[in-house]
């Protein structure tokens, strides 16, 4: 719900975005491997400030999902801590790579991903959430604990 409300208010996105996030959360809740998939809810002074998930794309690739930092908590480092936690979890779970999908208008999120070693690998026009957007695929390699990085 927080995703839907926030992105409707900030970008005018329609209910299809909230439905997408609800499906992602429902799929996670219906069955996930706790050793390889997790969701974090960040709090600041007892208030929910944001969330982020890590799910398996395949055996060696983790997917970062549903990053949200509440508007009142932006600038407090919540997003960076969430992404750092997610990347470290994926690395320790044995993933070799992490991917994510976002859209071009989410400039602060894209800057955060770039600062955490993600690289833009593909862009394509995307009509979704009631708007013409540019979908973006980002990825980064993970140095797996106890193993040499892939070359």
C-alpha atoms as a PDB file:
ATOM      1  CA  UNK A   1       0.000   0.000   0.000  1.00  0.00           C
ATOM      2  CA  UNK A   2       2.827   2.401   0.874  1.00  0.00           C
ATOM      3  CA  UNK A   3       4.361   1.880  -2.571  1.00  0.00           C
ATOM      4  CA  UNK A   4       1.063   2.634  -4.295  1.00  0.00           C
ATOM      5  CA  UNK A   5       0.355   5.732  -2.239  1.00  0.00           C
ATOM      6  CA  UNK A   6       3.865   7.135  -2.528  1.00  0.00           C
ATOM      7  CA  UNK A   7       4.298   6.628  -6.261  1.00  0.00           C
ATOM      8  CA  UNK A   8       0.773   7.827  -7.027  1.00  0.00           C
ATOM      9  CA  UNK A   9       1.425  11.013  -5.077  1.00  0.00           C
ATOM     10  CA  UNK A  10       4.906  11.607  -6.546  1.00  0.00           C
ATOM     11  CA  UNK A  11       4.489  10.402 -10.144  1.00  0.00           C
ATOM     12  CA  UNK A  12       0.765   9.928 -10.726  1.00  0.00           C
ATOM     13  CA  UNK A  13       1.151   6.171 -11.162  1.00  0.00           C
ATOM     14  CA  UNK A  14      -2.051   4.167 -11.281  1.00  0.00           C
ATOM     15  CA  UNK A  15      -3.157   1.164  -9.236  1.00  0.00           C
ATOM     16  CA  UNK A  16      -1.336  -1.269 -11.540  1.00  0.00           C
ATOM     17  CA  UNK A  17       1.897  -0.416  -9.727  1.00  0.00           C
ATOM     18  CA  UNK A  18       0.432  -1.227  -6.328  1.00  0.00           C
ATOM     19  CA  UNK A  19      -0.935  -4.470  -7.821  1.00  0.00           C
ATOM     20  CA  UNK A  20       2.550  -5.398  -9.090  1.00  0.00           C
ATOM     21  CA  UNK A  21       4.095  -4.824  -5.670  1.00  0.00           C
ATOM     22  CA  UNK A  22       1.272  -6.786  -4.021  1.00  0.00           C
ATOM     23  CA  UNK A  23       1.959  -9.750  -6.355  1.00  0.00           C
ATOM     24  CA  UNK A  24       5.683  -9.641  -5.551  1.00  0.00           C
ATOM     25  CA  UNK A  25       4.973  -9.616  -1.817  1.00  0.00           C
ATOM     26  CA  UNK A  26       2.300 -12.337  -2.099  1.00  0.00           C
ATOM     27  CA  UNK A  27       4.643 -14.591  -4.092  1.00  0.00           C
ATOM     28  CA  UNK A  28       7.334 -14.108  -1.465  1.00  0.00           C
ATOM     29  CA  UNK A  29       4.917 -14.821   1.394  1.00  0.00           C
ATOM     30  CA  UNK A  30       3.514 -17.908  -0.336  1.00  0.00           C
ATOM     31  CA  UNK A  31       6.866 -19.614  -0.442  1.00  0.00           C
ATOM     32  CA  UNK A  32      10.449 -18.523  -0.241  1.00  0.00           C
ATOM     33  CA  UNK A  33      13.764 -20.028   0.800  1.00  0.00           C
ATOM     34  CA  UNK A  34      14.787 -18.112   3.943  1.00  0.00           C
ATOM     35  CA  UNK A  35      18.423 -19.062   3.425  1.00  0.00           C
ATOM     36  CA  UNK A  36      18.436 -17.356   0.009  1.00  0.00           C
ATOM     37  CA  UNK A  37      15.567 -14.840   0.032  1.00  0.00           C
ATOM     38  CA  UNK A  38      14.630 -12.099   2.502  1.00  0.00           C
ATOM     39  CA  UNK A  39      12.698  -8.873   2.979  1.00  0.00           C
ATOM     40  CA  UNK A  40      13.732  -6.030   5.270  1.00  0.00           C
ATOM     41  CA  UNK A  41      11.597  -3.296   6.763  1.00  0.00           C
ATOM     42  CA  UNK A  42      13.601  -0.334   7.987  1.00  0.00           C
ATOM     43  CA  UNK A  43      12.461   1.687  10.966  1.00  0.00           C
ATOM     44  CA  UNK A  44      13.458   5.101  12.250  1.00  0.00           C
ATOM     45  CA  UNK A  45      12.349   5.922  15.783  1.00  0.00           C
ATOM     46  CA  UNK A  46       9.821   3.091  15.665  1.00  0.00           C
ATOM     47  CA  UNK A  47       8.213   4.229  12.382  1.00  0.00           C
ATOM     48  CA  UNK A  48       8.377   2.207   9.185  1.00  0.00           C
ATOM     49  CA  UNK A  49      10.804   4.101   6.983  1.00  0.00           C
ATOM     50  CA  UNK A  50      11.310   1.770   4.038  1.00  0.00           C
ATOM     51  CA  UNK A  51      11.633  -1.746   2.721  1.00  0.00           C
ATOM     52  CA  UNK A  52      13.560  -3.910   0.302  1.00  0.00           C
ATOM     53  CA  UNK A  53      13.546  -7.538  -0.806  1.00  0.00           C
ATOM     54  CA  UNK A  54      16.012 -10.040  -2.208  1.00  0.00           C
ATOM     55  CA  UNK A  55      14.710 -13.008  -4.203  1.00  0.00           C
ATOM     56  CA  UNK A  56      16.296 -15.660  -6.367  1.00  0.00           C
ATOM     57  CA  UNK A  57      16.254 -15.003 -10.100  1.00  0.00           C
ATOM     58  CA  UNK A  58      18.099 -18.290 -10.595  1.00  0.00           C
ATOM     59  CA  UNK A  59      20.700 -20.391  -8.757  1.00  0.00           C
ATOM     60  CA  UNK A  60      23.487 -17.805  -9.107  1.00  0.00           C
ATOM     61  CA  UNK A  61      21.546 -14.547  -9.536  1.00  0.00           C
ATOM     62  CA  UNK A  62      19.703 -12.592  -6.851  1.00  0.00           C
ATOM     63  CA  UNK A  63      17.113  -9.971  -7.711  1.00  0.00           C
ATOM     64  CA  UNK A  64      16.702  -6.783  -5.678  1.00  0.00           C
ATOM     65  CA  UNK A  65      12.982  -5.974  -5.396  1.00  0.00           C
ATOM     66  CA  UNK A  66      10.522  -3.398  -4.033  1.00  0.00           C
ATOM     67  CA  UNK A  67      12.874  -0.725  -2.682  1.00  0.00           C
ATOM     68  CA  UNK A  68      10.924   2.032  -1.007  1.00  0.00           C
ATOM     69  CA  UNK A  69      12.063   4.800   1.305  1.00  0.00           C
ATOM     70  CA  UNK A  70       9.248   6.852   2.764  1.00  0.00           C
ATOM     71  CA  UNK A  71       9.502  10.524   1.739  1.00  0.00           C
ATOM     72  CA  UNK A  72       9.965  11.691   5.330  1.00  0.00           C
ATOM     73  CA  UNK A  73      12.935   9.297   5.760  1.00  0.00           C
ATOM     74  CA  UNK A  74      14.818  10.234   2.606  1.00  0.00           C
ATOM     75  CA  UNK A  75      18.247  11.715   3.212  1.00  0.00           C
ATOM     76  CA  UNK A  76      18.715   9.710   6.426  1.00  0.00           C
ATOM     77  CA  UNK A  77      20.717   6.923   4.795  1.00  0.00           C
ATOM     78  CA  UNK A  78      17.867   4.408   4.983  1.00  0.00           C
ATOM     79  CA  UNK A  79      18.048   3.479   1.287  1.00  0.00           C
ATOM     80  CA  UNK A  80      21.796   2.964   1.387  1.00  0.00           C
ATOM     81  CA  UNK A  81      21.583   0.764   4.457  1.00  0.00           C
ATOM     82  CA  UNK A  82      18.801  -1.306   2.897  1.00  0.00           C
ATOM     83  CA  UNK A  83      20.725  -1.832  -0.353  1.00  0.00           C
ATOM     84  CA  UNK A  84      23.961  -2.615   1.512  1.00  0.00           C
ATOM     85  CA  UNK A  85      22.126  -5.162   3.668  1.00  0.00           C
ATOM     86  CA  UNK A  86      20.546  -6.748   0.607  1.00  0.00           C
ATOM     87  CA  UNK A  87      23.847  -6.982  -1.293  1.00  0.00           C
ATOM     88  CA  UNK A  88      25.642  -8.496   1.712  1.00  0.00           C
ATOM     89  CA  UNK A  89      22.836 -10.991   2.243  1.00  0.00           C
ATOM     90  CA  UNK A  90      22.963 -12.046  -1.432  1.00  0.00           C
ATOM     91  CA  UNK A  91      26.728 -12.384  -1.290  1.00  0.00           C
ATOM     92  CA  UNK A  92      26.638 -14.503   1.873  1.00  0.00           C
ATOM     93  CA  UNK A  93      23.835 -16.647   0.404  1.00  0.00           C
ATOM     94  CA  UNK A  94      26.213 -17.605  -2.415  1.00  0.00           C
ATOM     95  CA  UNK A  95      24.845 -15.581  -5.305  1.00  0.00           C
ATOM     96  CA  UNK A  96      27.380 -14.456  -7.917  1.00  0.00           C
ATOM     97  CA  UNK A  97      25.362 -11.601  -9.381  1.00  0.00           C
ATOM     98  CA  UNK A  98      22.521  -9.272  -8.457  1.00  0.00           C
ATOM     99  CA  UNK A  99      20.042  -7.663 -10.850  1.00  0.00           C
ATOM    100  CA  UNK A 100      17.225  -5.177 -10.562  1.00  0.00           C
ATOM    101  CA  UNK A 101      14.648  -3.494 -12.756  1.00  0.00           C
ATOM    102  CA  UNK A 102      13.603   0.121 -12.329  1.00  0.00           C
ATOM    103  CA  UNK A 103      12.377   3.030 -14.433  1.00  0.00           C
ATOM    104  CA  UNK A 104      14.103   6.192 -15.523  1.00  0.00           C
ATOM    105  CA  UNK A 105      12.086   8.650 -13.421  1.00  0.00           C
ATOM    106  CA  UNK A 106      13.293   7.154 -10.133  1.00  0.00           C
ATOM    107  CA  UNK A 107      16.438   9.275 -10.153  1.00  0.00           C
ATOM    108  CA  UNK A 108      17.334   8.984  -6.458  1.00  0.00           C
ATOM    109  CA  UNK A 109      17.041   5.182  -6.558  1.00  0.00           C
ATOM    110  CA  UNK A 110      19.166   5.011  -9.703  1.00  0.00           C
ATOM    111  CA  UNK A 111      21.847   7.183  -8.085  1.00  0.00           C
ATOM    112  CA  UNK A 112      21.799   4.877  -5.054  1.00  0.00           C
ATOM    113  CA  UNK A 113      22.208   1.778  -7.235  1.00  0.00           C
ATOM    114  CA  UNK A 114      25.084   3.384  -9.122  1.00  0.00           C
ATOM    115  CA  UNK A 115      26.809   4.302  -5.845  1.00  0.00           C
ATOM    116  CA  UNK A 116      26.549   0.650  -4.749  1.00  0.00           C
ATOM    117  CA  UNK A 117      28.274  -0.755  -7.819  1.00  0.00           C
ATOM    118  CA  UNK A 118      25.308  -1.497 -10.066  1.00  0.00           C
ATOM    119  CA  UNK A 119      25.692  -0.827 -13.775  1.00  0.00           C
ATOM    120  CA  UNK A 120      22.957  -0.023 -16.269  1.00  0.00           C
ATOM    121  CA  UNK A 121      22.926  -2.888 -18.790  1.00  0.00           C
ATOM    122  CA  UNK A 122      19.736  -2.309 -20.776  1.00  0.00           C
ATOM    123  CA  UNK A 123      17.042   0.296 -21.359  1.00  0.00           C
ATOM    124  CA  UNK A 124      13.804   0.043 -23.278  1.00  0.00           C
ATOM    125  CA  UNK A 125      10.594   2.063 -23.563  1.00  0.00           C
ATOM    126  CA  UNK A 126       8.004   0.781 -21.135  1.00  0.00           C
ATOM    127  CA  UNK A 127       4.368   1.746 -20.844  1.00  0.00           C
ATOM    128  CA  UNK A 128       3.252   0.975 -17.362  1.00  0.00           C
ATOM    129  CA  UNK A 129       1.556   2.374 -14.299  1.00  0.00           C
ATOM    130  CA  UNK A 130      -0.389   4.709 -16.601  1.00  0.00           C
ATOM    131  CA  UNK A 131       2.668   6.408 -18.121  1.00  0.00           C
ATOM    132  CA  UNK A 132       5.295   6.162 -20.831  1.00  0.00           C
ATOM    133  CA  UNK A 133       8.516   5.296 -19.026  1.00  0.00           C
ATOM    134  CA  UNK A 134      11.917   3.853 -19.796  1.00  0.00           C
ATOM    135  CA  UNK A 135      12.503   0.504 -18.111  1.00  0.00           C
ATOM    136  CA  UNK A 136      16.053  -0.138 -16.977  1.00  0.00           C
ATOM    137  CA  UNK A 137      17.889  -3.330 -16.082  1.00  0.00           C
ATOM    138  CA  UNK A 138      20.823  -2.945 -13.718  1.00  0.00           C
ATOM    139  CA  UNK A 139      23.276  -5.543 -12.419  1.00  0.00           C
ATOM    140  CA  UNK A 140      26.418  -6.012 -10.396  1.00  0.00           C
ATOM    141  CA  UNK A 141      28.774  -8.860  -9.695  1.00  0.00           C
ATOM    142  CA  UNK A 142      29.083 -10.127  -6.133  1.00  0.00           C
ATOM    143  CA  UNK A 143      32.327 -11.384  -4.666  1.00  0.00           C
ATOM    144  CA  UNK A 144      31.034 -14.473  -2.885  1.00  0.00           C
ATOM    145  CA  UNK A 145      32.384 -14.982   0.654  1.00  0.00           C
ATOM    146  CA  UNK A 146      34.951 -17.775   0.644  1.00  0.00           C
ATOM    147  CA  UNK A 147      35.257 -17.843  -3.127  1.00  0.00           C
ATOM    148  CA  UNK A 148      37.360 -15.946  -5.626  1.00  0.00           C
ATOM    149  CA  UNK A 149      35.428 -13.394  -7.718  1.00  0.00           C
ATOM    150  CA  UNK A 150      34.354 -14.545 -11.169  1.00  0.00           C
ATOM    151  CA  UNK A 151      36.485 -13.232 -13.998  1.00  0.00           C
END
